Amino acid sequence: MQWLLIGFVACTGVLNTIQAGSNTTLNKVLGAPFWAASVVFTVALTATVTAGFVSGQRLSGDTLGQVPWWGWIGGLFGALYIIAMMMTANKVGAAVFMAVTVTAAIVTSLTMDHFGLMGFEVRRAGIGRLMGAVAMICGLGLIARY
């Protein structure tokens, strides 16, 4: 079962990179990154609301008050990511954009796991994980240089 989950996550990684091209094209044609981001989020909202209804999922008003503060800021961070993508990916290239964002995400994720931040279970950053992060940073340097 875990391999299916990992496969699904890998597919979303591919789609995330394709999204960079799609979103920068939208921004190029519209010439307005904030409006282009609004289109992206309107499509995303429509898709997720539709999927929620089709799947039969329902929200309970009682549970909304139980969400910690950091549970509400993901949308803001997603918007910042999309706007950064639209304003920079075409200028630095897909490989550099993705290398920078993935490497930054890995380093942040290791920190969050190590300290159990934002509800994650503690998973210590041992030597193997730290060496992996260093390898990512070195890979980023190679991708950005050449």
N, C-alpha and C. Protein backbone atom coordinates (compact mmCIF):
# COMPACT_ATOMS: atom_id res chain seq x y z
N MET A 1 0.83 -1.20 0.00
CA MET A 1 0.00 0.00 0.00
C MET A 1 0.87 1.26 0.00
N GLN A 2 1.98 1.23 0.76
CA GLN A 2 2.84 2.40 0.82
C GLN A 2 3.41 2.73 -0.56
N TRP A 3 3.72 1.70 -1.37
CA TRP A 3 4.26 1.95 -2.71
C TRP A 3 3.23 2.64 -3.60
N LEU A 4 1.96 2.34 -3.41
CA LEU A 4 0.91 3.03 -4.16
C LEU A 4 0.86 4.51 -3.78
N LEU A 5 0.99 4.77 -2.49
CA LEU A 5 1.00 6.16 -2.02
C LEU A 5 2.21 6.90 -2.58
N ILE A 6 3.36 6.25 -2.54
CA ILE A 6 4.58 6.88 -3.06
C ILE A 6 4.45 7.12 -4.56
N GLY A 7 3.86 6.16 -5.28
CA GLY A 7 3.62 6.34 -6.71
C GLY A 7 2.70 7.52 -6.99
N PHE A 8 1.65 7.64 -6.18
CA PHE A 8 0.73 8.76 -6.31
C PHE A 8 1.45 10.09 -6.06
N VAL A 9 2.28 10.13 -5.03
CA VAL A 9 3.03 11.35 -4.72
C VAL A 9 4.01 11.67 -5.84
N ALA A 10 4.66 10.65 -6.39
CA ALA A 10 5.58 10.87 -7.51
C ALA A 10 4.84 11.48 -8.71
N CYS A 11 3.64 10.97 -8.97
CA CYS A 11 2.84 11.53 -10.07
C CYS A 11 2.52 12.99 -9.82
N THR A 12 2.21 13.35 -8.58
CA THR A 12 1.91 14.75 -8.30
C THR A 12 3.17 15.61 -8.44
N GLY A 13 4.33 15.03 -8.19
CA GLY A 13 5.58 15.77 -8.43
C GLY A 13 5.76 16.08 -9.90
N VAL A 14 5.45 15.11 -10.75
CA VAL A 14 5.50 15.33 -12.20
C VAL A 14 4.50 16.43 -12.57
N LEU A 15 3.28 16.31 -12.06
CA LEU A 15 2.25 17.30 -12.37
C LEU A 15 2.63 18.69 -11.84
N ASN A 16 3.32 18.75 -10.71
CA ASN A 16 3.76 20.03 -10.16
C ASN A 16 4.71 20.73 -11.12
N THR A 17 5.59 19.96 -11.74
CA THR A 17 6.52 20.55 -12.71
C THR A 17 5.78 20.98 -13.96
N ILE A 18 4.86 20.16 -14.43
CA ILE A 18 4.05 20.54 -15.59
C ILE A 18 3.22 21.77 -15.28
N GLN A 19 2.75 21.87 -14.04
CA GLN A 19 1.98 23.03 -13.60
C GLN A 19 2.79 24.31 -13.76
N ALA A 20 4.09 24.24 -13.52
CA ALA A 20 4.93 25.43 -13.67
C ALA A 20 4.85 25.95 -15.10
N GLY A 21 4.90 25.06 -16.07
CA GLY A 21 4.79 25.49 -17.47
C GLY A 21 3.40 26.00 -17.79
N SER A 22 2.40 25.31 -17.31
CA SER A 22 1.01 25.72 -17.54
C SER A 22 0.74 27.10 -16.95
N ASN A 23 1.13 27.28 -15.71
CA ASN A 23 0.86 28.56 -15.03
C ASN A 23 1.65 29.72 -15.62
N THR A 24 2.91 29.47 -15.99
CA THR A 24 3.69 30.57 -16.57
C THR A 24 3.15 30.94 -17.95
N THR A 25 2.63 29.96 -18.69
CA THR A 25 2.01 30.26 -19.98
C THR A 25 0.76 31.11 -19.78
N LEU A 26 -0.06 30.72 -18.81
CA LEU A 26 -1.26 31.50 -18.49
C LEU A 26 -0.88 32.93 -18.14
N ASN A 27 0.14 33.08 -17.31
CA ASN A 27 0.59 34.42 -16.91
C ASN A 27 1.13 35.20 -18.10
N LYS A 28 1.89 34.53 -18.97
CA LYS A 28 2.44 35.21 -20.14
C LYS A 28 1.33 35.76 -21.04
N VAL A 29 0.32 34.96 -21.26
CA VAL A 29 -0.77 35.37 -22.14
C VAL A 29 -1.60 36.47 -21.49
N LEU A 30 -1.92 36.31 -20.20
CA LEU A 30 -2.73 37.33 -19.52
C LEU A 30 -1.93 38.57 -19.16
N GLY A 31 -0.63 38.41 -18.90
CA GLY A 31 0.22 39.54 -18.55
C GLY A 31 -0.08 40.12 -17.17
N ALA A 32 -0.68 39.32 -16.30
CA ALA A 32 -1.06 39.80 -14.97
C ALA A 32 -0.99 38.63 -13.98
N PRO A 33 0.14 38.51 -13.26
CA PRO A 33 0.32 37.33 -12.41
C PRO A 33 -0.74 37.15 -11.33
N PHE A 34 -1.24 38.22 -10.77
CA PHE A 34 -2.24 38.06 -9.72
C PHE A 34 -3.57 37.57 -10.28
N TRP A 35 -3.93 38.05 -11.48
CA TRP A 35 -5.15 37.57 -12.12
C TRP A 35 -4.96 36.15 -12.62
N ALA A 36 -3.78 35.85 -13.12
CA ALA A 36 -3.51 34.48 -13.56
C ALA A 36 -3.59 33.52 -12.38
N ALA A 37 -3.05 33.93 -11.24
CA ALA A 37 -3.14 33.09 -10.03
C ALA A 37 -4.59 32.93 -9.60
N SER A 38 -5.39 33.97 -9.77
CA SER A 38 -6.81 33.88 -9.43
C SER A 38 -7.52 32.85 -10.31
N VAL A 39 -7.16 32.81 -11.58
CA VAL A 39 -7.73 31.80 -12.49
C VAL A 39 -7.33 30.40 -12.01
N VAL A 40 -6.05 30.23 -11.67
CA VAL A 40 -5.56 28.93 -11.20
C VAL A 40 -6.35 28.49 -9.97
N PHE A 41 -6.54 29.38 -9.02
CA PHE A 41 -7.24 29.01 -7.80
C PHE A 41 -8.74 28.83 -8.00
N THR A 42 -9.31 29.54 -8.95
CA THR A 42 -10.72 29.34 -9.27
C THR A 42 -10.93 27.94 -9.85
N VAL A 43 -10.05 27.54 -10.76
CA VAL A 43 -10.12 26.19 -11.33
C VAL A 43 -9.89 25.15 -10.23
N ALA A 44 -8.90 25.39 -9.37
CA ALA A 44 -8.61 24.44 -8.28
C ALA A 44 -9.80 24.34 -7.31
N LEU A 45 -10.40 25.47 -6.96
CA LEU A 45 -11.56 25.46 -6.06
C LEU A 45 -12.72 24.69 -6.69
N THR A 46 -12.97 24.95 -7.95
CA THR A 46 -14.05 24.25 -8.65
C THR A 46 -13.80 22.74 -8.66
N ALA A 47 -12.57 22.35 -8.96
CA ALA A 47 -12.23 20.93 -9.02
C ALA A 47 -12.35 20.26 -7.65
N THR A 48 -11.85 20.92 -6.60
CA THR A 48 -11.88 20.29 -5.28
C THR A 48 -13.28 20.26 -4.69
N VAL A 49 -14.07 21.30 -4.92
CA VAL A 49 -15.46 21.30 -4.43
C VAL A 49 -16.25 20.20 -5.15
N THR A 50 -16.05 20.10 -6.45
CA THR A 50 -16.73 19.04 -7.21
C THR A 50 -16.32 17.66 -6.71
N ALA A 51 -15.03 17.45 -6.50
CA ALA A 51 -14.54 16.16 -6.00
C ALA A 51 -15.10 15.87 -4.61
N GLY A 52 -15.22 16.89 -3.78
CA GLY A 52 -15.79 16.71 -2.45
C GLY A 52 -17.24 16.25 -2.51
N PHE A 53 -18.01 16.87 -3.39
CA PHE A 53 -19.41 16.46 -3.54
C PHE A 53 -19.53 15.06 -4.12
N VAL A 54 -18.76 14.79 -5.16
CA VAL A 54 -18.81 13.48 -5.83
C VAL A 54 -18.40 12.37 -4.85
N SER A 55 -17.40 12.64 -4.01
CA SER A 55 -16.92 11.62 -3.07
C SER A 55 -17.84 11.44 -1.87
N GLY A 56 -18.76 12.37 -1.69
CA GLY A 56 -19.69 12.27 -0.57
C GLY A 56 -19.14 12.84 0.74
N GLN A 57 -17.99 13.46 0.70
CA GLN A 57 -17.44 14.04 1.92
C GLN A 57 -18.27 15.24 2.35
N ARG A 58 -18.41 15.37 3.66
CA ARG A 58 -19.15 16.50 4.23
C ARG A 58 -18.31 17.14 5.32
N LEU A 59 -18.47 18.44 5.48
CA LEU A 59 -17.80 19.18 6.55
C LEU A 59 -18.75 19.37 7.71
N SER A 60 -18.18 19.33 8.90
CA SER A 60 -18.94 19.61 10.10
C SER A 60 -18.48 20.95 10.66
N GLY A 61 -19.41 21.82 10.94
CA GLY A 61 -19.05 23.12 11.51
C GLY A 61 -18.34 22.99 12.84
N ASP A 62 -18.61 21.91 13.57
CA ASP A 62 -17.96 21.70 14.87
C ASP A 62 -16.45 21.52 14.73
N THR A 63 -16.02 20.88 13.64
CA THR A 63 -14.60 20.59 13.49
C THR A 63 -13.79 21.81 13.05
N LEU A 64 -14.42 22.79 12.43
CA LEU A 64 -13.68 23.97 11.96
C LEU A 64 -12.99 24.70 13.11
N GLY A 65 -13.62 24.76 14.26
CA GLY A 65 -13.03 25.42 15.43
C GLY A 65 -11.87 24.65 16.04
N GLN A 66 -11.69 23.40 15.65
CA GLN A 66 -10.61 22.58 16.19
C GLN A 66 -9.32 22.66 15.38
N VAL A 67 -9.36 23.37 14.26
CA VAL A 67 -8.18 23.48 13.41
C VAL A 67 -7.19 24.45 14.06
N PRO A 68 -5.91 24.04 14.25
CA PRO A 68 -4.92 24.97 14.82
C PRO A 68 -4.62 26.09 13.82
N TRP A 69 -4.03 27.16 14.32
CA TRP A 69 -3.81 28.35 13.49
C TRP A 69 -3.05 28.03 12.21
N TRP A 70 -2.07 27.12 12.29
CA TRP A 70 -1.27 26.83 11.11
C TRP A 70 -2.05 26.03 10.06
N GLY A 71 -3.17 25.49 10.44
CA GLY A 71 -4.01 24.79 9.48
C GLY A 71 -4.72 25.71 8.51
N TRP A 72 -4.75 26.99 8.81
CA TRP A 72 -5.46 27.96 7.97
C TRP A 72 -4.55 28.72 7.01
N ILE A 73 -3.23 28.59 7.14
CA ILE A 73 -2.33 29.42 6.33
C ILE A 73 -1.82 28.72 5.07
N GLY A 74 -2.16 27.46 4.87
CA GLY A 74 -1.69 26.73 3.70
C GLY A 74 -2.12 27.36 2.39
N GLY A 75 -3.34 27.85 2.34
CA GLY A 75 -3.82 28.50 1.12
C GLY A 75 -3.02 29.74 0.78
N LEU A 76 -2.67 30.52 1.80
CA LEU A 76 -1.83 31.71 1.58
C LEU A 76 -0.48 31.29 1.03
N PHE A 77 0.11 30.25 1.62
CA PHE A 77 1.43 29.80 1.15
C PHE A 77 1.33 29.22 -0.25
N GLY A 78 0.23 28.55 -0.55
CA GLY A 78 0.02 28.05 -1.91
C GLY A 78 -0.07 29.19 -2.91
N ALA A 79 -0.75 30.26 -2.52
CA ALA A 79 -0.86 31.43 -3.40
C ALA A 79 0.50 32.06 -3.63
N LEU A 80 1.30 32.18 -2.58
CA LEU A 80 2.64 32.75 -2.73
C LEU A 80 3.50 31.89 -3.66
N TYR A 81 3.37 30.56 -3.52
CA TYR A 81 4.12 29.64 -4.38
C TYR A 81 3.72 29.82 -5.83
N ILE A 82 2.42 29.88 -6.10
CA ILE A 82 1.93 30.03 -7.47
C ILE A 82 2.39 31.36 -8.06
N ILE A 83 2.33 32.42 -7.28
CA ILE A 83 2.75 33.73 -7.78
C ILE A 83 4.25 33.75 -8.03
N ALA A 84 5.03 33.15 -7.12
CA ALA A 84 6.48 33.06 -7.34
C ALA A 84 6.77 32.27 -8.60
N MET A 85 6.02 31.18 -8.80
CA MET A 85 6.19 30.37 -9.99
C MET A 85 5.93 31.20 -11.25
N MET A 86 4.83 31.92 -11.25
CA MET A 86 4.46 32.70 -12.43
C MET A 86 5.44 33.83 -12.72
N MET A 87 6.03 34.39 -11.68
CA MET A 87 6.91 35.54 -11.87
C MET A 87 8.36 35.15 -12.12
N THR A 88 8.74 33.90 -11.78
CA THR A 88 10.17 33.56 -11.87
C THR A 88 10.50 32.33 -12.71
N ALA A 89 9.61 31.35 -12.78
CA ALA A 89 9.96 30.08 -13.42
C ALA A 89 10.37 30.26 -14.88
N ASN A 90 9.69 31.12 -15.60
CA ASN A 90 10.02 31.34 -17.00
C ASN A 90 11.37 32.04 -17.15
N LYS A 91 11.76 32.81 -16.15
CA LYS A 91 13.03 33.54 -16.23
C LYS A 91 14.22 32.67 -15.85
N VAL A 92 14.03 31.79 -14.86
CA VAL A 92 15.16 30.95 -14.41
C VAL A 92 15.13 29.56 -15.02
N GLY A 93 14.01 29.18 -15.61
CA GLY A 93 13.86 27.85 -16.21
C GLY A 93 13.18 26.89 -15.24
N ALA A 94 12.51 25.89 -15.82
CA ALA A 94 11.78 24.91 -15.01
C ALA A 94 12.71 24.14 -14.07
N ALA A 95 13.88 23.74 -14.57
CA ALA A 95 14.79 22.93 -13.76
C ALA A 95 15.29 23.69 -12.53
N VAL A 96 15.71 24.92 -12.73
CA VAL A 96 16.21 25.70 -11.59
C VAL A 96 15.07 26.02 -10.63
N PHE A 97 13.92 26.42 -11.17
CA PHE A 97 12.79 26.72 -10.28
C PHE A 97 12.45 25.51 -9.42
N MET A 98 12.29 24.36 -10.05
CA MET A 98 11.91 23.17 -9.29
C MET A 98 13.03 22.73 -8.36
N ALA A 99 14.28 22.82 -8.79
CA ALA A 99 15.40 22.43 -7.94
C ALA A 99 15.46 23.29 -6.67
N VAL A 100 15.25 24.58 -6.83
CA VAL A 100 15.27 25.49 -5.68
C VAL A 100 14.10 25.18 -4.74
N THR A 101 12.90 25.06 -5.31
CA THR A 101 11.74 24.84 -4.44
C THR A 101 11.78 23.47 -3.77
N VAL A 102 12.20 22.44 -4.50
CA VAL A 102 12.26 21.10 -3.90
C VAL A 102 13.35 21.03 -2.85
N THR A 103 14.51 21.60 -3.12
CA THR A 103 15.60 21.58 -2.13
C THR A 103 15.20 22.35 -0.88
N ALA A 104 14.60 23.53 -1.05
CA ALA A 104 14.13 24.29 0.11
C ALA A 104 13.08 23.49 0.87
N ALA A 105 12.21 22.79 0.16
CA ALA A 105 11.18 21.98 0.80
C ALA A 105 11.79 20.82 1.57
N ILE A 106 12.83 20.19 1.03
CA ILE A 106 13.49 19.08 1.71
C ILE A 106 14.12 19.55 3.02
N VAL A 107 14.85 20.64 2.96
CA VAL A 107 15.51 21.16 4.17
C VAL A 107 14.46 21.55 5.21
N THR A 108 13.40 22.22 4.78
CA THR A 108 12.32 22.59 5.70
C THR A 108 11.64 21.35 6.27
N SER A 109 11.40 20.36 5.42
CA SER A 109 10.73 19.13 5.85
C SER A 109 11.56 18.37 6.88
N LEU A 110 12.87 18.31 6.66
CA LEU A 110 13.73 17.65 7.63
C LEU A 110 13.66 18.34 8.99
N THR A 111 13.64 19.66 8.97
CA THR A 111 13.53 20.43 10.21
C THR A 111 12.19 20.17 10.89
N MET A 112 11.11 20.17 10.10
CA MET A 112 9.78 19.93 10.67
C MET A 112 9.69 18.52 11.26
N ASP A 113 10.21 17.53 10.53
CA ASP A 113 10.21 16.16 11.04
C ASP A 113 11.05 16.03 12.30
N HIS A 114 12.25 16.61 12.27
CA HIS A 114 13.18 16.47 13.40
C HIS A 114 12.59 17.02 14.70
N PHE A 115 11.90 18.14 14.60
CA PHE A 115 11.35 18.77 15.79
C PHE A 115 9.86 18.49 15.99
N GLY A 116 9.25 17.75 15.07
CA GLY A 116 7.82 17.45 15.20
C GLY A 116 6.96 18.69 15.11
N LEU A 117 7.30 19.59 14.21
CA LEU A 117 6.57 20.86 14.08
C LEU A 117 5.27 20.69 13.30
N MET A 118 4.31 21.51 13.59
CA MET A 118 3.03 21.62 12.89
C MET A 118 2.30 20.28 12.80
N GLY A 119 2.40 19.50 13.86
CA GLY A 119 1.63 18.27 13.94
C GLY A 119 2.31 17.04 13.37
N PHE A 120 3.52 17.17 12.81
CA PHE A 120 4.21 16.00 12.29
C PHE A 120 4.81 15.19 13.43
N GLU A 121 4.82 13.88 13.25
CA GLU A 121 5.46 12.98 14.20
C GLU A 121 6.97 13.22 14.14
N VAL A 122 7.65 13.16 15.29
CA VAL A 122 9.10 13.37 15.33
C VAL A 122 9.80 12.23 14.60
N ARG A 123 10.63 12.62 13.64
CA ARG A 123 11.50 11.68 12.91
C ARG A 123 12.86 12.35 12.86
N ARG A 124 13.75 11.87 13.67
CA ARG A 124 15.06 12.50 13.82
C ARG A 124 15.82 12.58 12.50
N ALA A 125 16.52 13.68 12.33
CA ALA A 125 17.36 13.88 11.14
C ALA A 125 18.73 13.28 11.42
N GLY A 126 18.85 12.00 11.11
CA GLY A 126 20.12 11.31 11.30
C GLY A 126 21.10 11.66 10.19
N ILE A 127 22.24 11.01 10.24
CA ILE A 127 23.31 11.31 9.29
C ILE A 127 22.87 11.05 7.84
N GLY A 128 22.10 10.00 7.62
CA GLY A 128 21.65 9.70 6.26
C GLY A 128 20.76 10.79 5.70
N ARG A 129 19.82 11.24 6.51
CA ARG A 129 18.93 12.31 6.06
C ARG A 129 19.69 13.61 5.83
N LEU A 130 20.63 13.91 6.72
CA LEU A 130 21.42 15.14 6.56
C LEU A 130 22.29 15.06 5.31
N MET A 131 22.87 13.89 5.07
CA MET A 131 23.68 13.72 3.85
C MET A 131 22.80 13.85 2.60
N GLY A 132 21.58 13.36 2.68
CA GLY A 132 20.64 13.52 1.57
C GLY A 132 20.35 14.98 1.30
N ALA A 133 20.18 15.77 2.36
CA ALA A 133 19.93 17.21 2.20
C ALA A 133 21.14 17.90 1.58
N VAL A 134 22.33 17.53 2.03
CA VAL A 134 23.54 18.11 1.45
C VAL A 134 23.64 17.73 -0.03
N ALA A 135 23.31 16.48 -0.37
CA ALA A 135 23.33 16.06 -1.77
C ALA A 135 22.33 16.88 -2.60
N MET A 136 21.16 17.15 -2.02
CA MET A 136 20.17 17.98 -2.72
C MET A 136 20.73 19.38 -2.98
N ILE A 137 21.39 19.95 -1.98
CA ILE A 137 21.96 21.29 -2.11
C ILE A 137 23.05 21.29 -3.18
N CYS A 138 23.88 20.25 -3.18
CA CYS A 138 24.92 20.14 -4.20
C CYS A 138 24.28 19.97 -5.58
N GLY A 139 23.26 19.17 -5.67
CA GLY A 139 22.56 18.99 -6.94
C GLY A 139 21.95 20.29 -7.43
N LEU A 140 21.39 21.05 -6.53
CA LEU A 140 20.84 22.36 -6.88
C LEU A 140 21.93 23.24 -7.45
N GLY A 141 23.09 23.23 -6.82
CA GLY A 141 24.21 24.03 -7.32
C GLY A 141 24.60 23.62 -8.73
N LEU A 142 24.63 22.32 -9.00
CA LEU A 142 24.97 21.85 -10.35
C LEU A 142 23.90 22.24 -11.37
N ILE A 143 22.64 22.08 -10.99
CA ILE A 143 21.55 22.42 -11.91
C ILE A 143 21.53 23.92 -12.19
N ALA A 144 21.74 24.73 -11.17
CA ALA A 144 21.69 26.18 -11.33
C ALA A 144 22.90 26.69 -12.11
N ARG A 145 24.03 25.99 -12.03
CA ARG A 145 25.26 26.48 -12.67
C ARG A 145 25.29 26.15 -14.16
N TYR A 146 24.76 25.02 -14.53
CA TYR A 146 24.91 24.56 -15.93
C TYR A 146 23.63 24.62 -16.70
